[in-house]
């Protein structure tokens, strides 16, 4: 049985570990952050996901479909908010088709539980310090104790996202071609709270968009009656975060 190490227990890493564990591999997942199931993740990446058919296929293949539907809100279309306050509905597909609003943290939690259920071992607070790609061997540092651990594997997957430690180690190898670009726009997460009765203040079965040329606001519904709102705005310029 091959020993497989997955660096990063986010959405990609947790889903990958499910597929690998179901195939009978010995899977160890190493995550730099604490276990989100035991931590307040409100200050982290909590932007909602809009799941389309392609995303559902990946989740269904891992046996997650029924669990995810319990926390998903269908959005058959988007509602555009004009500068004059007029609303226009634009369907995403046929009458019975929709994309779905899902909490990023809720989705990640379900996948972590499923991965462990299939036998994957997930270790948190483990920072990848270095990788010897010839063996391959991962050197990990525990964030709390500062203990150093070395793990040999047959295969290593890097699923640690932006500022990837695995990619950084690969940059040190010969003839590794790497190019980094930065977007001119950033984002800020906001929220629309439920009304006094706990209900959504906007139509919950739609993705709401306020398009304004060089910037934009979007809102996706949550199960508790709130909306997760994201402002996309340039870092610099006349209409930018710099001038807020």
Protein backbone atom coordinates (compact mmCIF):
# COMPACT_ATOMS: atom_id res chain seq x y z
CA UNK A 1 0.00 0.00 0.00
CA UNK A 2 1.46 3.37 -1.02
CA UNK A 3 2.01 6.04 1.60
CA UNK A 4 0.65 9.36 0.35
CA UNK A 5 1.16 12.74 1.98
CA UNK A 6 -1.18 15.64 1.26
CA UNK A 7 0.04 19.08 2.34
CA UNK A 8 -3.00 21.27 2.97
CA UNK A 9 -6.40 20.28 4.39
CA UNK A 10 -8.51 22.92 2.70
CA UNK A 11 -11.20 22.18 0.15
CA UNK A 12 -8.89 20.58 -2.40
CA UNK A 13 -6.76 18.65 0.07
CA UNK A 14 -9.68 17.24 2.03
CA UNK A 15 -11.54 16.20 -1.13
CA UNK A 16 -8.42 14.62 -2.62
CA UNK A 17 -7.77 12.69 0.60
CA UNK A 18 -11.27 11.20 0.43
CA UNK A 19 -10.72 9.90 -3.09
CA UNK A 20 -7.29 8.51 -2.21
CA UNK A 21 -8.45 6.88 1.04
CA UNK A 22 -11.41 5.26 -0.72
CA UNK A 23 -8.94 3.66 -3.14
CA UNK A 24 -7.10 2.06 -0.23
CA UNK A 25 -4.04 4.30 0.02
CA UNK A 26 -2.47 5.17 3.36
CA UNK A 27 -3.17 8.91 3.47
CA UNK A 28 -1.64 11.48 5.82
CA UNK A 29 -2.81 15.09 5.56
CA UNK A 30 -0.78 17.93 7.07
CA UNK A 31 -2.40 21.30 7.72
CA UNK A 32 -0.67 24.47 8.91
CA UNK A 33 -3.77 25.89 10.59
CA UNK A 34 -5.66 24.59 13.65
CA UNK A 35 -8.59 22.24 13.16
CA UNK A 36 -11.41 24.49 11.92
CA UNK A 37 -13.93 22.15 13.55
CA UNK A 38 -12.63 23.28 16.95
CA UNK A 39 -11.81 26.88 16.08
CA UNK A 40 -13.64 30.10 15.36
CA UNK A 41 -13.04 30.52 11.63
CA UNK A 42 -15.06 33.73 11.22
CA UNK A 43 -11.89 35.74 10.65
CA UNK A 44 -10.60 33.41 7.96
CA UNK A 45 -11.57 32.78 4.37
CA UNK A 46 -15.34 32.54 4.69
CA UNK A 47 -16.44 33.63 1.24
CA UNK A 48 -19.34 31.46 0.18
CA UNK A 49 -18.99 29.12 -2.74
CA UNK A 50 -21.38 29.00 -5.67
CA UNK A 51 -21.50 25.30 -6.57
CA UNK A 52 -22.31 24.42 -10.17
CA UNK A 53 -22.77 21.05 -11.85
CA UNK A 54 -19.03 20.46 -12.17
CA UNK A 55 -18.52 20.94 -8.44
CA UNK A 56 -21.43 18.65 -7.62
CA UNK A 57 -19.93 15.89 -9.77
CA UNK A 58 -16.71 15.99 -7.74
CA UNK A 59 -18.64 15.92 -4.47
CA UNK A 60 -20.99 13.15 -5.62
CA UNK A 61 -18.01 11.02 -6.61
CA UNK A 62 -16.73 11.28 -3.05
CA UNK A 63 -20.13 10.35 -1.61
CA UNK A 64 -20.76 13.85 -0.24
CA UNK A 65 -23.82 14.91 -2.22
CA UNK A 66 -26.51 14.26 0.39
CA UNK A 67 -24.53 15.88 3.21
CA UNK A 68 -23.76 19.01 1.20
CA UNK A 69 -27.35 19.48 0.05
CA UNK A 70 -28.36 19.93 3.69
CA UNK A 71 -26.29 23.13 3.89
CA UNK A 72 -26.81 24.38 0.31
CA UNK A 73 -29.27 27.02 -0.91
CA UNK A 74 -30.35 26.82 -4.57
CA UNK A 75 -29.91 29.95 -6.69
CA UNK A 76 -31.67 29.51 -10.06
CA UNK A 77 -30.34 32.85 -11.23
CA UNK A 78 -28.80 36.17 -10.35
CA UNK A 79 -30.55 39.41 -9.49
CA UNK A 80 -28.87 42.52 -10.84
CA UNK A 81 -29.27 45.72 -8.82
CA UNK A 82 -29.09 48.86 -10.96
CA UNK A 83 -28.00 52.33 -9.81
CA UNK A 84 -31.65 53.39 -9.84
CA UNK A 85 -32.75 50.49 -7.63
CA UNK A 86 -34.33 48.44 -10.41
CA UNK A 87 -34.01 44.66 -10.18
CA UNK A 88 -33.60 42.25 -13.08
CA UNK A 89 -33.50 38.46 -12.81
CA UNK A 90 -31.16 36.48 -15.07
CA UNK A 91 -31.59 32.68 -14.93
CA UNK A 92 -28.48 30.51 -14.93
CA UNK A 93 -30.08 27.69 -16.92
CA UNK A 94 -33.33 25.85 -17.47
CA UNK A 95 -36.22 26.01 -15.06
CA UNK A 96 -35.02 23.09 -12.95
CA UNK A 97 -31.34 24.13 -12.93
CA UNK A 98 -29.51 26.18 -10.32
CA UNK A 99 -26.18 26.88 -8.72
CA UNK A 100 -25.96 26.56 -4.93
CA UNK A 101 -24.69 28.81 -2.18
CA UNK A 102 -22.58 26.86 0.32
CA UNK A 103 -20.53 27.95 3.31
CA UNK A 104 -16.83 27.37 2.65
CA UNK A 105 -16.21 26.40 6.28
CA UNK A 106 -19.25 24.13 6.43
CA UNK A 107 -18.20 22.36 3.25
CA UNK A 108 -14.64 21.92 4.50
CA UNK A 109 -15.85 20.50 7.81
CA UNK A 110 -18.01 17.88 6.11
CA UNK A 111 -15.12 16.81 3.87
CA UNK A 112 -12.68 16.55 6.78
CA UNK A 113 -15.10 14.30 8.66
CA UNK A 114 -15.62 12.11 5.59
CA UNK A 115 -11.87 11.86 4.96
CA UNK A 116 -11.26 10.64 8.51
CA UNK A 117 -14.18 8.23 8.20
CA UNK A 118 -12.45 6.62 5.22
CA UNK A 119 -9.19 6.27 7.13
CA UNK A 120 -7.22 9.39 6.24
CA UNK A 121 -5.14 10.76 9.11
CA UNK A 122 -5.28 14.56 9.39
CA UNK A 123 -2.66 16.37 11.47
CA UNK A 124 -3.12 20.07 12.24
CA UNK A 125 -0.69 22.83 13.26
CA UNK A 126 1.95 21.22 11.04
CA UNK A 127 3.98 23.64 8.93
CA UNK A 128 5.90 22.31 5.95
CA UNK A 129 9.49 23.53 6.39
CA UNK A 130 11.17 21.65 3.56
CA UNK A 131 10.77 18.76 1.12
CA UNK A 132 13.36 16.41 -0.29
CA UNK A 133 11.73 15.52 -3.59
CA UNK A 134 14.19 12.70 -4.33
CA UNK A 135 12.98 10.48 -1.47
CA UNK A 136 10.40 12.17 -1.10
CA UNK A 137 10.59 13.37 2.51
CA UNK A 138 8.69 16.20 4.20
CA UNK A 139 10.08 18.08 7.19
CA UNK A 140 7.31 19.47 9.38
CA UNK A 141 7.31 21.85 12.34
CA UNK A 142 4.57 21.79 14.96
CA UNK A 143 3.27 25.33 15.49
CA UNK A 144 2.59 24.75 19.17
CA UNK A 145 5.49 22.62 20.38
CA UNK A 146 8.04 23.56 17.66
CA UNK A 147 8.88 19.85 17.39
CA UNK A 148 10.34 18.75 14.08
CA UNK A 149 9.03 15.64 12.30
CA UNK A 150 10.25 13.98 9.12
CA UNK A 151 7.80 11.95 7.05
CA UNK A 152 8.76 9.70 4.15
CA UNK A 153 6.18 9.15 1.44
CA UNK A 154 5.79 7.46 -1.90
CA UNK A 155 3.86 10.45 -3.27
CA UNK A 156 3.43 14.04 -2.06
CA UNK A 157 0.54 16.26 -3.15
CA UNK A 158 0.71 20.00 -2.61
CA UNK A 159 -2.79 21.37 -1.97
CA UNK A 160 -1.83 24.28 0.26
CA UNK A 161 -3.19 27.04 -1.96
CA UNK A 162 -1.91 30.60 -2.08
CA UNK A 163 1.64 31.07 -0.77
CA UNK A 164 2.05 27.31 -1.07
CA UNK A 165 4.94 25.91 0.96
CA UNK A 166 5.18 22.98 -1.46
CA UNK A 167 5.46 25.28 -4.47
CA UNK A 168 8.07 27.37 -2.64
CA UNK A 169 10.18 24.23 -2.10
CA UNK A 170 9.77 23.30 -5.76
CA UNK A 171 11.11 26.72 -6.74
CA UNK A 172 14.44 25.72 -5.19
CA UNK A 173 14.88 22.81 -7.59
CA UNK A 174 16.78 23.06 -10.88
CA UNK A 175 15.08 24.59 -13.90
CA UNK A 176 11.78 25.18 -12.14
CA UNK A 177 9.89 27.83 -14.09
CA UNK A 178 7.75 30.09 -11.93
CA UNK A 179 5.91 33.35 -12.63
CA UNK A 180 3.84 35.34 -10.16
CA UNK A 181 1.36 38.09 -11.02
CA UNK A 182 -0.75 40.26 -8.75
CA UNK A 183 -4.34 41.35 -9.42
CA UNK A 184 -5.21 45.03 -9.35
CA UNK A 185 -8.38 44.29 -7.38
CA UNK A 186 -8.87 43.01 -3.85
CA UNK A 187 -11.93 42.12 -1.80
CA UNK A 188 -13.52 42.88 1.54
CA UNK A 189 -16.10 40.67 3.19
CA UNK A 190 -19.24 42.30 4.58
CA UNK A 191 -22.61 40.93 5.69
CA UNK A 192 -26.34 41.63 5.55
CA UNK A 193 -27.95 40.48 8.77
CA UNK A 194 -31.38 38.80 8.95
CA UNK A 195 -34.46 40.89 9.71
CA UNK A 196 -36.02 40.99 13.18
CA UNK A 197 -37.79 37.69 12.46
CA UNK A 198 -34.61 35.93 11.32
CA UNK A 199 -35.57 36.00 7.65
CA UNK A 200 -33.55 37.04 4.61
CA UNK A 201 -33.90 40.71 3.69
CA UNK A 202 -33.38 39.89 -0.01
CA UNK A 203 -34.58 37.03 -2.20
CA UNK A 204 -32.63 34.06 -0.82
CA UNK A 205 -32.85 32.02 -4.02
CA UNK A 206 -30.59 34.26 -6.08
CA UNK A 207 -27.04 35.52 -6.27
CA UNK A 208 -27.29 39.29 -5.88
CA UNK A 209 -24.95 41.54 -7.86
CA UNK A 210 -24.44 45.30 -7.78
CA UNK A 211 -22.26 45.94 -10.88
CA UNK A 212 -20.67 49.37 -10.93
CA UNK A 213 -18.11 49.38 -13.74
CA UNK A 214 -14.70 49.17 -12.09
CA UNK A 215 -16.01 47.63 -8.89
CA UNK A 216 -18.76 45.27 -7.81
CA UNK A 217 -20.66 43.95 -4.82
CA UNK A 218 -22.10 40.44 -4.59
CA UNK A 219 -24.23 38.73 -1.93
CA UNK A 220 -24.85 35.02 -1.37
CA UNK A 221 -27.48 33.65 1.05
CA UNK A 222 -26.75 31.74 4.25
CA UNK A 223 -28.97 29.31 6.13
CA UNK A 224 -29.27 31.63 9.15
CA UNK A 225 -31.05 34.35 7.19
CA UNK A 226 -27.96 36.43 6.54
CA UNK A 227 -26.04 37.14 3.34
CA UNK A 228 -22.29 36.95 2.90
CA UNK A 229 -21.39 40.08 0.94
CA UNK A 230 -18.15 40.64 -0.93
CA UNK A 231 -16.91 43.98 -2.24
CA UNK A 232 -14.46 43.71 -5.14
CA UNK A 233 -12.52 46.95 -5.53
CA UNK A 234 -9.19 48.16 -6.92
CA UNK A 235 -6.35 48.58 -4.43
CA UNK A 236 -5.37 51.98 -5.85
CA UNK A 237 -7.01 54.69 -7.93
CA UNK A 238 -9.99 57.02 -7.73
CA UNK A 239 -12.44 54.25 -6.83
CA UNK A 240 -10.30 52.04 -4.63
CA UNK A 241 -9.64 50.73 -1.14
CA UNK A 242 -6.93 53.38 -0.93
CA UNK A 243 -9.57 56.11 -0.93
CA UNK A 244 -12.14 54.49 1.35
